[in-house]
Every structure is written in structure tokens, then in C-alpha cells.
Amino acid sequence: MSELPRDRIIGSRLIEIGHSAFSEPEFVQQGIGPATFRSHYLRLDTGIVLDLFVFEVAISDVDTFPMPGETSRLSPSAVLGRRISAIWSDDTSSPIVTFDDGTYLRDANDGCYGNPLHAGRIADDYTPQQRAEFVDYWSSES
């Protein structure tokens, strides 16, 4: 987490969403699966490509995305061009990338159903009590 250059991420615009190819099906727990997974990439106008995963955000050196961006709930166009206002860790330590208009992206973590990114509106999807428990991603480093 400390490798993420906060000053090159916060305030930058999201210009492209993409995904890796699907993994081979695997059982995550006894009786659950098989599930497939893929990486989620967010290309920023600063040239950084973020890899958004259910438990972390990392910088990726991927230049070309094997699969186009897909989101559940809101369409990709709802977040493309928006400026990143924060990256939060929720109560399960999952990162949430929030944008200047109150929209957000997070890993949907539904390996059985296509594994898109989830796009939504913070005010619609999280209560004020839940939002109060969010922690700045950089300050949640161990």
C-alpha cells in the first residue's frame, strides 16, 4: 500500500476501466465454486494504472487491457472522466475508490457471476453510520 503515490492518484481523472482475462475455475471453499476471477484495472490521466482487488489497491504495469471495463449497477460512463476524491477502506478492509460526484467503484467479489466492478453512489449504498467507519486507505496500512 505504501507504494501508491497518493499525490498522483487523488485528484486524477479515471480515463479507462479494463479487466484481465478470467482465471481458471477454482474452488474457494469447500462446496463454494468453482469460481473464476479477474483483475480490475483503472487507468488514470496521470499515466498510473491501478489494480483494484477486494483487499488492496496496487499499481499495475499492464498497458493493454485484455477485456473492456464492465460494472454492475451504474454503467462505466457514470464514473469515466470523474476525479478521484479518496480511496477508503470499509469495515471489511476492502478498498472503495470514490469520485468527486459521490460515485464509487469497488471489487464486486462475485467470482461466480462474472466478477465486474461494482459502481454505485456512496449516499445510496452506505448509511451515514457505515460511512463513518470508513478509514483513509493510506492510514489503514499495517
Protein backbone atom coordinates (compact mmCIF):
# COMPACT_ATOMS: atom_id res chain seq x y z
CA MET A 1 0.00 0.00 0.00
CA SER A 2 2.81 2.44 0.77
CA GLU A 3 3.93 2.24 -2.88
CA LEU A 4 0.82 4.09 -4.04
CA PRO A 5 1.71 7.72 -4.78
CA ARG A 6 -1.23 9.46 -3.13
CA ASP A 7 -0.37 12.80 -4.75
CA ARG A 8 -0.61 11.25 -8.25
CA ILE A 9 -3.88 9.43 -7.50
CA ILE A 10 -6.11 11.79 -5.52
CA GLY A 11 -7.47 14.41 -7.91
CA SER A 12 -6.62 12.42 -11.04
CA ARG A 13 -9.26 11.51 -13.61
CA LEU A 14 -10.37 7.98 -14.41
CA ILE A 15 -9.97 7.62 -18.17
CA GLU A 16 -10.40 3.85 -18.74
CA ILE A 17 -11.64 0.72 -16.99
CA GLY A 18 -10.48 -2.75 -18.02
CA HIS A 19 -10.05 -6.29 -16.78
CA SER A 20 -7.64 -9.18 -17.10
CA ALA A 21 -8.77 -12.44 -18.68
CA PHE A 22 -10.68 -14.80 -16.38
CA SER A 23 -8.73 -17.21 -14.20
CA GLU A 24 -9.26 -20.94 -14.44
CA PRO A 25 -12.25 -22.05 -12.33
CA GLU A 26 -11.27 -22.83 -8.75
CA PHE A 27 -12.98 -23.76 -5.51
CA VAL A 28 -12.52 -21.04 -2.91
CA GLN A 29 -14.07 -23.01 -0.06
CA GLN A 30 -15.45 -26.50 0.26
CA GLY A 31 -18.79 -26.50 -1.53
CA ILE A 32 -18.42 -22.99 -3.00
CA GLY A 33 -17.44 -22.69 -6.61
CA PRO A 34 -15.91 -23.25 -8.89
CA ALA A 35 -15.38 -19.53 -9.27
CA THR A 36 -13.41 -17.50 -11.78
CA PHE A 37 -11.68 -14.23 -11.06
CA ARG A 38 -10.06 -11.39 -12.94
CA SER A 39 -8.11 -8.27 -12.14
CA HIS A 40 -9.74 -4.84 -12.37
CA TYR A 41 -7.73 -2.03 -13.89
CA LEU A 42 -8.31 1.70 -13.58
CA ARG A 43 -6.25 3.89 -15.93
CA LEU A 44 -5.77 7.44 -14.62
CA ASP A 45 -4.89 10.57 -16.56
CA THR A 46 -1.57 10.67 -14.68
CA GLY A 47 -0.49 7.50 -16.51
CA ILE A 48 -0.93 5.27 -13.46
CA VAL A 49 -2.90 2.03 -13.82
CA LEU A 50 -4.44 0.86 -10.56
CA ASP A 51 -5.25 -2.80 -9.95
CA LEU A 52 -8.32 -2.81 -7.69
CA PHE A 53 -8.70 -6.02 -5.71
CA VAL A 54 -11.05 -6.99 -2.91
CA PHE A 55 -8.36 -6.43 -0.24
CA GLU A 56 -5.92 -3.96 -1.80
CA VAL A 57 -5.06 -1.45 -4.47
CA ALA A 58 -1.77 -1.79 -6.32
CA ILE A 59 -0.05 -0.20 -9.28
CA SER A 60 -0.05 -2.37 -12.38
CA ASP A 61 2.33 -2.35 -15.31
CA VAL A 62 -0.41 -3.58 -17.67
CA ASP A 63 -0.50 -1.43 -20.78
CA THR A 64 -3.31 -3.10 -22.75
CA PHE A 65 -6.43 -4.43 -21.06
CA PRO A 66 -7.43 -7.92 -22.28
CA MET A 67 -11.12 -7.24 -21.53
CA PRO A 68 -13.12 -3.99 -21.67
CA GLY A 69 -14.45 -2.47 -18.46
CA GLU A 70 -17.67 -3.79 -17.01
CA THR A 71 -19.53 -2.56 -13.97
CA SER A 72 -22.63 -3.63 -12.12
CA ARG A 73 -25.36 -1.19 -11.06
CA LEU A 74 -24.10 2.01 -12.74
CA SER A 75 -22.57 1.95 -16.21
CA PRO A 76 -18.85 2.64 -16.71
CA SER A 77 -19.77 6.01 -18.26
CA ALA A 78 -21.07 7.14 -14.84
CA VAL A 79 -17.51 7.15 -13.45
CA LEU A 80 -15.30 7.70 -16.51
CA GLY A 81 -13.89 11.23 -16.52
CA ARG A 82 -14.56 11.70 -12.80
CA ARG A 83 -11.81 12.79 -10.42
CA ILE A 84 -10.77 10.51 -7.57
CA SER A 85 -11.57 12.23 -4.28
CA ALA A 86 -10.50 9.44 -1.90
CA ILE A 87 -9.71 5.78 -1.51
CA TRP A 88 -11.32 4.34 1.59
CA SER A 89 -11.14 1.00 3.37
CA ASP A 90 -14.56 -0.15 4.51
CA ASP A 91 -15.35 -2.20 7.62
CA THR A 92 -14.07 -5.35 5.88
CA SER A 93 -10.83 -3.62 4.75
CA SER A 94 -11.98 -3.58 1.13
CA PRO A 95 -10.89 -0.53 -0.85
CA ILE A 96 -13.50 1.81 -2.27
CA VAL A 97 -12.41 4.35 -4.87
CA THR A 98 -14.65 7.41 -4.55
CA PHE A 99 -15.12 10.19 -7.08
CA ASP A 100 -15.88 13.90 -6.93
CA ASP A 101 -19.59 13.42 -7.67
CA GLY A 102 -20.26 10.82 -4.93
CA THR A 103 -19.94 7.75 -7.17
CA TYR A 104 -17.56 4.91 -6.36
CA LEU A 105 -16.01 1.68 -7.60
CA ARG A 106 -15.18 -1.46 -5.63
CA ASP A 107 -14.42 -5.09 -6.44
CA ALA A 108 -17.78 -6.85 -6.61
CA ASN A 109 -16.13 -10.08 -5.43
CA ASP A 110 -18.70 -12.31 -7.11
CA GLY A 111 -16.44 -14.85 -8.78
CA CYS A 112 -19.43 -16.95 -9.78
CA TYR A 113 -21.27 -14.22 -11.70
CA GLY A 114 -18.73 -12.57 -13.97
CA ASN A 115 -16.78 -10.53 -11.43
CA PRO A 116 -17.46 -6.99 -12.67
CA LEU A 117 -16.57 -3.90 -10.71
CA HIS A 118 -19.43 -2.52 -8.68
CA ALA A 119 -20.25 1.12 -9.42
CA GLY A 120 -22.67 2.97 -7.20
CA ARG A 121 -23.40 6.12 -5.27
CA ILE A 122 -21.98 6.28 -1.76
CA ALA A 123 -25.06 8.05 -0.34
CA ASP A 124 -27.39 5.38 -1.78
CA ASP A 125 -25.38 2.30 -0.85
CA TYR A 126 -23.90 3.13 2.55
CA THR A 127 -25.62 4.60 5.60
CA PRO A 128 -24.02 7.56 7.38
CA GLN A 129 -23.03 5.13 10.16
CA GLN A 130 -21.27 2.85 7.66
CA ARG A 131 -19.50 5.79 6.04
CA ALA A 132 -18.33 6.99 9.46
CA GLU A 133 -16.45 3.68 9.80
CA PHE A 134 -14.51 4.15 6.53
CA VAL A 135 -10.78 4.69 7.03
CA ASP A 136 -8.47 6.51 4.65
CA TYR A 137 -6.71 3.77 2.65
CA TRP A 138 -3.23 5.15 3.26
CA SER A 139 -3.73 5.48 7.02
CA SER A 140 -5.02 1.89 7.25
CA GLU A 141 -1.60 0.49 6.34
CA SER A 142 -0.26 -2.08 8.74
